Protein backbone atom coordinates (compact mmCIF):
# COMPACT_ATOMS: atom_id res chain seq x y z
CA MET A 1 30.90 12.56 2.80
CA PRO A 2 33.38 12.43 0.10
CA SER A 3 37.26 12.21 1.15
CA VAL A 4 39.98 14.65 -0.05
CA PRO A 5 43.47 14.13 -1.04
CA ILE A 6 45.86 15.28 1.63
CA GLU A 7 48.90 17.49 0.54
CA ILE A 8 51.46 19.15 3.11
CA SER A 9 52.04 22.33 1.79
CA ALA A 10 55.57 23.03 3.46
CA ARG A 11 57.26 26.61 3.97
CA HIS A 12 57.74 28.50 0.26
CA ILE A 13 56.95 31.87 -1.46
CA HIS A 14 54.72 33.51 -4.07
CA LEU A 15 56.66 36.67 -5.78
CA THR A 16 55.64 39.76 -7.66
CA GLU A 17 57.59 39.73 -10.76
CA ALA A 18 58.98 43.35 -9.79
CA ASP A 19 60.59 41.44 -6.38
CA TRP A 20 61.69 38.46 -8.53
CA ASN A 21 63.96 41.04 -10.60
CA ILE A 22 64.99 42.16 -7.62
CA LEU A 23 66.07 38.82 -6.60
CA PHE A 24 67.64 37.29 -9.22
CA GLY A 25 67.80 39.82 -11.66
CA ASP A 26 67.36 39.70 -15.13
CA THR A 27 66.99 35.54 -14.53
CA LYS A 28 64.08 34.29 -15.86
CA ILE A 29 61.83 31.58 -13.38
CA ILE A 30 62.87 28.32 -14.71
CA SER A 31 60.36 25.54 -12.99
CA ASP A 32 61.72 22.40 -11.63
CA HIS A 33 58.28 20.29 -11.21
CA ALA A 34 54.37 21.28 -11.42
CA ILE A 35 52.32 21.10 -8.52
CA SER A 36 48.68 19.42 -8.13
CA GLN A 37 46.79 22.88 -8.12
CA PRO A 38 46.59 23.65 -12.40
CA LYS A 39 49.19 25.91 -13.86
CA GLN A 40 51.43 26.06 -10.89
CA PHE A 41 55.00 25.10 -10.26
CA VAL A 42 57.63 25.11 -8.03
CA ALA A 43 61.20 26.78 -9.57
CA LYS A 44 64.49 25.85 -9.62
CA GLN A 45 65.35 29.23 -8.27
CA ARG A 46 65.40 29.17 -4.33
CA VAL A 47 65.47 31.89 -1.57
CA THR A 48 66.62 32.44 1.85
CA LEU A 49 64.55 34.00 4.38
CA ARG A 50 65.42 35.89 7.32
CA GLY A 51 64.11 36.94 10.87
CA PRO A 52 65.41 38.51 14.40
CA LYS A 53 66.22 34.87 15.10
CA GLY A 54 67.99 33.35 12.46
CA GLU A 55 67.25 32.16 8.55
CA ILE A 56 65.90 29.61 6.70
CA LYS A 57 68.00 28.45 3.28
CA GLY A 58 66.41 26.80 0.03
CA VAL A 59 62.96 27.86 0.38
CA ALA A 60 60.56 27.10 -2.60
CA VAL A 61 59.42 29.30 -4.99
CA VAL A 62 56.22 28.88 -6.16
CA GLY A 63 55.30 29.99 -9.61
CA PRO A 64 53.63 32.10 -11.59
CA PHE A 65 54.10 35.53 -10.58
CA ARG A 66 51.29 36.62 -8.15
CA PRO A 67 49.89 40.15 -7.57
CA ASN A 68 51.56 40.32 -4.42
CA THR A 69 54.68 38.56 -2.49
CA GLN A 70 53.55 36.09 0.20
CA VAL A 71 55.80 33.95 2.50
CA GLU A 72 53.67 30.80 3.81
CA LEU A 73 55.40 29.17 6.95
CA ALA A 74 54.60 27.04 9.42
CA MET A 75 54.13 27.83 13.16
CA THR A 76 57.61 25.64 13.80
CA ASP A 77 59.36 28.22 11.09
CA VAL A 78 57.80 31.53 12.56
CA ARG A 79 59.37 30.60 15.94
CA ALA A 80 62.79 29.89 14.35
CA LEU A 81 62.84 33.30 12.37
CA GLY A 82 61.35 35.23 15.39
CA VAL A 83 58.43 36.83 12.99
CA ALA A 84 55.29 37.53 14.23
CA ALA A 85 53.60 35.65 11.66
CA PRO A 86 49.91 35.79 11.85
CA LEU A 87 47.36 32.94 11.06
CA CYS A 88 45.23 33.97 8.38
CA ASP A 89 43.54 33.16 4.90
CA SER A 90 46.18 33.24 1.91
CA GLY A 91 46.62 36.46 -0.16
CA LYS A 92 45.09 38.07 3.38
CA LEU A 93 48.29 40.21 4.12
CA ASP A 94 47.06 42.99 5.97
CA GLN A 95 48.62 41.68 9.03
CA ALA A 96 51.58 39.95 7.87
CA ALA A 97 55.05 40.08 9.58
CA GLU A 98 58.03 41.67 8.02
CA ILE A 99 61.13 39.37 6.38
CA ILE A 100 64.24 39.43 4.78
CA ILE A 101 63.98 37.76 1.59
CA VAL A 102 67.36 37.04 -0.08
CA GLY A 103 67.96 35.86 -3.71
CA SER A 104 70.54 35.24 -5.81
CA ARG A 105 71.15 39.09 -7.23
CA GLY A 106 69.52 41.20 -3.81
CA GLU A 107 67.58 40.98 -0.92
CA ILE A 108 64.32 42.82 -0.04
CA VAL A 109 61.88 43.01 3.51
CA ARG A 110 58.55 42.80 2.97
CA ALA A 111 55.01 42.67 5.20
CA ALA A 112 54.77 39.11 3.71
CA ALA A 113 54.91 36.07 6.14
CA ILE A 114 52.01 34.29 7.32
CA VAL A 115 50.91 30.99 8.79
CA PRO A 116 47.97 29.89 6.00
CA GLN A 117 44.91 28.83 7.56
CA ARG A 118 44.46 25.17 6.52
CA HIS A 119 42.19 24.85 3.43
CA ILE A 120 40.38 22.22 0.96
CA HIS A 121 41.06 23.69 -2.85
CA LEU A 122 37.91 22.71 -5.37
CA SER A 123 36.76 22.90 -8.45
CA PRO A 124 33.22 24.62 -9.13
CA LYS A 125 32.48 20.92 -9.99
CA GLU A 126 34.09 19.12 -6.99
CA ALA A 127 32.68 21.87 -4.56
CA THR A 128 28.95 20.67 -6.28
CA ALA A 129 29.11 17.44 -5.74
CA ALA A 130 30.28 17.81 -2.18
CA GLY A 131 27.46 20.43 -1.06
CA LEU A 132 30.01 22.81 -0.81
CA ARG A 133 30.74 26.27 -1.19
CA ASP A 134 33.55 29.32 -1.35
CA ARG A 135 34.72 30.48 1.74
CA GLN A 136 32.89 28.12 3.90
CA THR A 137 34.29 26.60 6.83
CA VAL A 138 34.25 22.60 7.35
CA SER A 139 35.69 20.08 9.44
CA VAL A 140 37.83 16.85 8.14
CA ARG A 141 38.87 13.93 10.04
CA ILE A 142 42.19 11.65 9.17
CA THR A 143 42.29 8.49 10.31
CA GLY A 144 45.42 6.19 10.88
CA PRO A 145 47.56 5.88 14.22
CA ARG A 146 47.97 9.48 15.03
CA GLY A 147 44.17 10.36 13.70
CA ALA A 148 42.48 13.47 14.42
CA GLN A 149 39.74 15.61 13.70
CA LEU A 150 40.38 19.29 12.31
CA ASP A 151 38.03 22.00 12.66
CA ASN A 152 38.07 25.36 11.17
CA VAL A 153 39.31 24.23 7.66
CA LEU A 154 38.17 26.75 5.04
CA VAL A 155 37.11 25.78 1.61
CA ARG A 156 38.63 27.70 -1.47
CA VAL A 157 36.54 27.01 -5.21
CA HIS A 158 38.10 28.27 -7.90
CA HIS A 159 38.05 26.82 -11.62
CA ASP A 160 41.92 26.16 -11.66
CA PHE A 161 42.04 24.37 -8.61
CA THR A 162 41.70 20.58 -7.99
CA GLY A 163 40.48 18.82 -5.15
CA ARG A 164 43.37 18.69 -2.37
CA LEU A 165 43.44 19.34 1.50
CA HIS A 166 46.51 21.32 2.38
CA LEU A 167 47.56 21.04 5.68
CA ASP A 168 51.37 23.07 6.86
CA THR A 169 54.33 20.30 8.13
CA ASP A 170 52.85 20.91 11.71
CA GLU A 171 49.77 19.91 11.29
CA GLY A 172 50.92 17.16 8.68
CA ASN A 173 52.77 16.05 11.17
CA THR A 174 50.62 16.12 14.09
CA CYS A 175 48.35 13.87 12.19
CA GLY A 176 50.62 11.43 10.62
CA VAL A 177 50.07 12.02 7.59
CA THR A 178 51.75 9.94 4.62
CA ALA A 179 51.78 9.91 0.77
CA GLY A 180 48.46 9.15 -0.39
CA MET A 181 46.32 9.94 2.99
CA SER A 182 43.20 11.39 2.45
CA ALA A 183 40.57 13.19 4.61
CA GLU A 184 36.91 12.70 5.16
CA LEU A 185 35.09 15.93 4.84
CA ILE A 186 32.40 16.39 7.80
CA ALA A 187 30.10 18.54 7.21
């Protein structure tokens, strides 16, 4: 089977334009740098997340705007904040935990916090070449001193995607992932 580059998806937030305006006023969203998925970027502006047990400052805002505000956390973050964020597919917010989001000009409370299911982004061409389809689950093997096999990896196929395995910081640290590593797809 083919391999796919691994990226660590650290805690971050996607915002609606309306929520951006509450948090940052009429300030324009400014790209700090592009990320691997086409048309997406990390903004210069940051937010603070608050929960019953604590807060995390300097959380990255990923643009462009989305239809729903979504906070993506690792389990370590969930415990530090004291929120009951579920493990679920990105975009599935029906069970999302309530969280306070603070910007430079305001704050909001939203049921938006989740722990995203590990997943692989693929373009249709990459998916076809690998014999995979959208919403399929696969396993991957990561080699190295702390290598592991990870099961229940969701395949997400879209024409705006490029092949990357996204693990959260907890998963990446557990497997000893470093820059430039790839995972072998296991059907």
